[in-house]
N, C-alpha and C. Protein backbone atom coordinates (compact mmCIF):
# COMPACT_ATOMS: atom_id res chain seq x y z
N MET A 1 27.80 23.51 -9.70
CA MET A 1 26.38 23.27 -9.10
C MET A 1 26.32 22.03 -8.60
N ASP A 2 25.71 22.00 -7.47
CA ASP A 2 25.36 20.81 -6.62
C ASP A 2 24.29 20.02 -7.52
N GLN A 3 24.55 18.50 -7.53
CA GLN A 3 23.63 17.78 -8.12
C GLN A 3 22.78 17.11 -6.98
N LYS A 4 21.49 17.18 -7.16
CA LYS A 4 20.69 16.41 -6.14
C LYS A 4 20.20 15.23 -6.55
N LYS A 5 20.26 14.12 -5.69
CA LYS A 5 19.73 12.85 -6.09
C LYS A 5 18.08 12.80 -5.99
N PRO A 6 17.71 12.27 -7.14
CA PRO A 6 16.15 12.18 -7.28
C PRO A 6 15.59 11.68 -6.11
N VAL A 7 14.61 12.30 -5.61
CA VAL A 7 13.78 11.79 -4.34
C VAL A 7 12.78 10.66 -4.87
N GLY A 8 12.89 9.42 -4.24
CA GLY A 8 12.05 8.40 -4.60
C GLY A 8 11.20 8.10 -3.35
N ARG A 9 10.04 7.32 -3.56
CA ARG A 9 9.07 7.07 -2.62
C ARG A 9 9.82 6.39 -1.42
N ALA A 10 9.75 7.14 -0.13
CA ALA A 10 10.25 6.26 0.91
C ALA A 10 9.02 5.72 1.47
N LEU A 11 9.19 4.21 1.72
CA LEU A 11 8.01 3.38 2.25
C LEU A 11 8.39 3.06 3.62
N PRO A 12 7.46 3.04 4.40
CA PRO A 12 7.60 2.94 5.63
C PRO A 12 8.13 1.36 6.14
N THR A 13 9.23 1.31 6.84
CA THR A 13 9.66 0.06 6.96
C THR A 13 10.20 0.00 8.45
N ALA A 14 10.45 -1.41 8.90
CA ALA A 14 10.93 -1.76 10.16
C ALA A 14 11.98 -2.73 9.92
N LEU A 15 12.97 -3.08 11.03
CA LEU A 15 13.70 -3.91 11.24
C LEU A 15 13.31 -5.02 11.95
N ILE A 16 13.08 -6.38 11.39
CA ILE A 16 12.49 -7.21 12.27
C ILE A 16 13.30 -8.52 12.14
N ALA A 17 13.87 -9.06 13.11
CA ALA A 17 14.73 -10.06 13.08
C ALA A 17 15.88 -10.06 11.87
N GLY A 18 16.39 -8.80 11.89
CA GLY A 18 17.42 -8.51 11.03
C GLY A 18 16.94 -8.20 9.61
N LYS A 19 15.87 -8.27 9.23
CA LYS A 19 15.27 -7.98 8.10
C LYS A 19 14.43 -6.77 7.76
N GLU A 20 14.68 -5.81 6.63
CA GLU A 20 13.75 -4.81 6.65
C GLU A 20 12.59 -5.32 5.97
N ILE A 21 11.54 -4.88 6.74
CA ILE A 21 10.03 -5.24 6.42
C ILE A 21 9.31 -4.18 6.12
N GLU A 22 8.71 -4.21 5.04
CA GLU A 22 7.71 -2.92 4.79
C GLU A 22 6.51 -3.06 5.72
N LEU A 23 6.25 -1.80 6.36
CA LEU A 23 4.99 -1.97 7.44
C LEU A 23 3.68 -2.01 6.49
N LEU A 24 2.64 -2.47 6.96
CA LEU A 24 1.51 -2.55 6.52
C LEU A 24 0.62 -1.38 6.84
N LEU A 25 -0.29 -0.80 5.85
CA LEU A 25 -1.24 0.19 6.28
C LEU A 25 -2.74 -0.39 6.43
N ASP A 26 -3.44 0.12 7.27
CA ASP A 26 -4.77 -0.33 7.62
C ASP A 26 -5.65 0.37 6.70
N SER A 27 -6.95 -0.40 6.56
CA SER A 27 -7.92 0.18 5.66
C SER A 27 -8.23 1.56 5.41
N HIS A 28 -8.10 2.29 6.66
CA HIS A 28 -8.49 3.52 6.53
C HIS A 28 -7.18 4.58 5.89
N GLU A 29 -5.92 4.09 6.25
CA GLU A 29 -4.79 4.63 5.66
C GLU A 29 -4.66 4.31 4.08
N ALA A 30 -4.98 3.21 3.85
CA ALA A 30 -4.80 2.76 2.36
C ALA A 30 -5.96 3.45 1.58
N ALA A 31 -7.24 3.53 1.98
CA ALA A 31 -8.34 4.14 1.61
C ALA A 31 -8.13 5.72 1.27
N ALA A 32 -7.31 6.44 2.22
CA ALA A 32 -6.97 7.55 2.14
C ALA A 32 -6.14 7.75 0.91
N VAL A 33 -5.13 6.91 0.75
CA VAL A 33 -4.28 7.01 -0.51
C VAL A 33 -4.82 6.89 -1.75
N LEU A 34 -5.84 6.02 -1.99
CA LEU A 34 -6.60 5.84 -3.09
C LEU A 34 -7.83 6.91 -3.25
N GLY A 35 -8.12 7.48 -2.27
CA GLY A 35 -9.30 8.45 -2.27
C GLY A 35 -10.73 7.73 -2.44
N VAL A 36 -10.70 6.54 -1.75
CA VAL A 36 -11.98 5.69 -1.57
C VAL A 36 -12.35 5.54 -0.17
N HIS A 37 -13.62 5.04 -0.06
CA HIS A 37 -13.99 4.72 1.47
C HIS A 37 -13.29 3.30 1.74
N PRO A 38 -13.13 3.23 2.99
CA PRO A 38 -12.46 2.06 3.62
C PRO A 38 -13.13 0.77 3.05
N ARG A 39 -14.46 0.71 3.29
CA ARG A 39 -15.38 -0.45 2.99
C ARG A 39 -15.08 -0.85 1.50
N THR A 40 -15.14 0.09 0.53
CA THR A 40 -14.95 -0.09 -0.80
C THR A 40 -13.70 -0.84 -1.16
N LEU A 41 -12.59 -0.34 -0.51
CA LEU A 41 -11.30 -0.89 -0.36
C LEU A 41 -11.27 -2.37 -0.09
N GLN A 42 -11.76 -2.52 1.14
CA GLN A 42 -12.12 -3.96 1.64
C GLN A 42 -12.80 -4.96 0.55
N ARG A 43 -13.81 -4.35 0.01
CA ARG A 43 -14.58 -5.28 -1.02
C ARG A 43 -13.62 -5.51 -2.03
N MET A 44 -12.80 -4.48 -2.48
CA MET A 44 -11.84 -4.77 -3.68
C MET A 44 -11.08 -5.85 -3.39
N ALA A 45 -10.53 -5.82 -2.22
CA ALA A 45 -9.48 -6.91 -1.61
C ALA A 45 -9.96 -7.99 -1.58
N HIS A 46 -11.26 -8.05 -0.91
CA HIS A 46 -11.99 -9.50 -0.96
C HIS A 46 -12.40 -10.28 -2.32
N ARG A 47 -12.56 -9.31 -3.17
CA ARG A 47 -12.76 -9.75 -4.52
C ARG A 47 -11.39 -10.25 -5.44
N GLY A 48 -10.26 -9.81 -4.69
CA GLY A 48 -8.96 -9.81 -5.26
C GLY A 48 -8.53 -8.94 -6.33
N GLN A 49 -9.27 -7.83 -6.38
CA GLN A 49 -9.12 -6.71 -7.19
C GLN A 49 -7.83 -5.98 -6.73
N ILE A 50 -7.43 -6.00 -5.57
CA ILE A 50 -6.32 -5.47 -5.11
C ILE A 50 -5.62 -6.07 -4.03
N ALA A 51 -4.38 -6.11 -4.11
CA ALA A 51 -3.57 -7.04 -2.97
C ALA A 51 -3.74 -6.51 -1.63
N GLY A 52 -4.13 -7.47 -0.84
CA GLY A 52 -4.26 -7.24 0.58
C GLY A 52 -4.24 -8.41 1.52
N VAL A 53 -4.10 -8.44 2.71
CA VAL A 53 -4.05 -9.49 3.55
C VAL A 53 -5.14 -9.21 4.96
N GLN A 54 -6.06 -10.27 4.90
CA GLN A 54 -7.00 -10.20 6.04
C GLN A 54 -6.48 -10.62 7.31
N VAL A 55 -6.34 -10.13 8.33
CA VAL A 55 -5.91 -10.57 9.61
C VAL A 55 -7.21 -10.45 10.68
N GLY A 56 -7.96 -11.67 10.71
CA GLY A 56 -9.00 -11.64 11.48
C GLY A 56 -9.96 -10.87 10.57
N LYS A 57 -10.74 -9.95 11.40
CA LYS A 57 -11.71 -9.12 10.59
C LYS A 57 -11.10 -7.90 9.67
N LEU A 58 -9.64 -7.65 10.32
CA LEU A 58 -9.30 -6.39 9.58
C LEU A 58 -8.33 -6.56 8.41
N TRP A 59 -8.20 -5.74 7.60
CA TRP A 59 -7.40 -5.82 6.27
C TRP A 59 -6.12 -4.94 6.46
N ARG A 60 -5.22 -5.37 5.97
CA ARG A 60 -3.79 -4.73 5.71
C ARG A 60 -3.30 -4.59 4.35
N PHE A 61 -2.78 -3.51 3.93
CA PHE A 61 -2.32 -3.10 2.72
C PHE A 61 -0.72 -2.71 2.59
N ARG A 62 -0.18 -3.17 1.68
CA ARG A 62 1.28 -2.65 1.45
C ARG A 62 1.32 -1.49 0.63
N ALA A 63 2.17 -0.43 1.05
CA ALA A 63 1.82 0.85 0.16
C ALA A 63 2.46 0.57 -1.25
N SER A 64 3.36 -0.33 -1.36
CA SER A 64 4.11 -0.76 -2.75
C SER A 64 2.94 -1.53 -3.42
N ALA A 65 2.06 -2.18 -2.89
CA ALA A 65 1.21 -2.65 -3.72
C ALA A 65 0.04 -1.62 -4.11
N LEU A 66 -0.18 -0.82 -3.26
CA LEU A 66 -1.37 0.28 -3.71
C LEU A 66 -0.61 1.08 -4.98
N ALA A 67 0.72 1.10 -4.89
CA ALA A 67 1.44 2.08 -5.94
C ALA A 67 1.38 1.31 -7.30
N GLU A 68 1.54 -0.23 -7.12
CA GLU A 68 1.31 -1.01 -8.35
C GLU A 68 0.27 -1.09 -8.86
N TRP A 69 -0.92 -0.94 -7.96
CA TRP A 69 -2.22 -1.07 -8.43
C TRP A 69 -2.54 0.17 -9.38
N ILE A 70 -2.07 1.31 -8.46
CA ILE A 70 -2.58 2.68 -9.38
C ILE A 70 -1.80 2.58 -10.85
N ASP A 71 -0.53 2.25 -10.67
CA ASP A 71 0.19 2.09 -11.94
C ASP A 71 -0.43 1.20 -13.04
N HIS A 72 -0.97 0.09 -12.73
CA HIS A 72 -1.67 -0.84 -13.56
C HIS A 72 -3.02 -0.20 -14.00
N ALA A 73 -3.72 0.52 -13.30
CA ALA A 73 -4.96 1.10 -13.52
C ALA A 73 -4.81 2.20 -14.33
N ILE A 74 -3.68 2.99 -14.21
CA ILE A 74 -3.44 4.03 -15.17
C ILE A 74 -2.98 3.54 -16.62
N ALA A 75 -2.42 2.53 -16.58
CA ALA A 75 -1.87 1.87 -17.87
C ALA A 75 -2.77 1.33 -18.59
N SER A 76 -3.93 0.89 -17.93
CA SER A 76 -5.12 0.22 -18.60
C SER A 76 -6.05 0.98 -19.53
């Protein structure tokens, strides 16, 4: 019987200057992952409740940071 490898989460990445870099999600994409309004997510990031980086007026989020936040919220 064939043994299948467990399927892990594949995060979007890009090869930049020879390094594999995790791509960032915008507020709308990240909010869809969490099931909240994008403005709610931006407020959470501004308060330091969730990891994000503000580039000008725009917020960006790592998918891995969202997964960590979900894991921490479930454990609490």
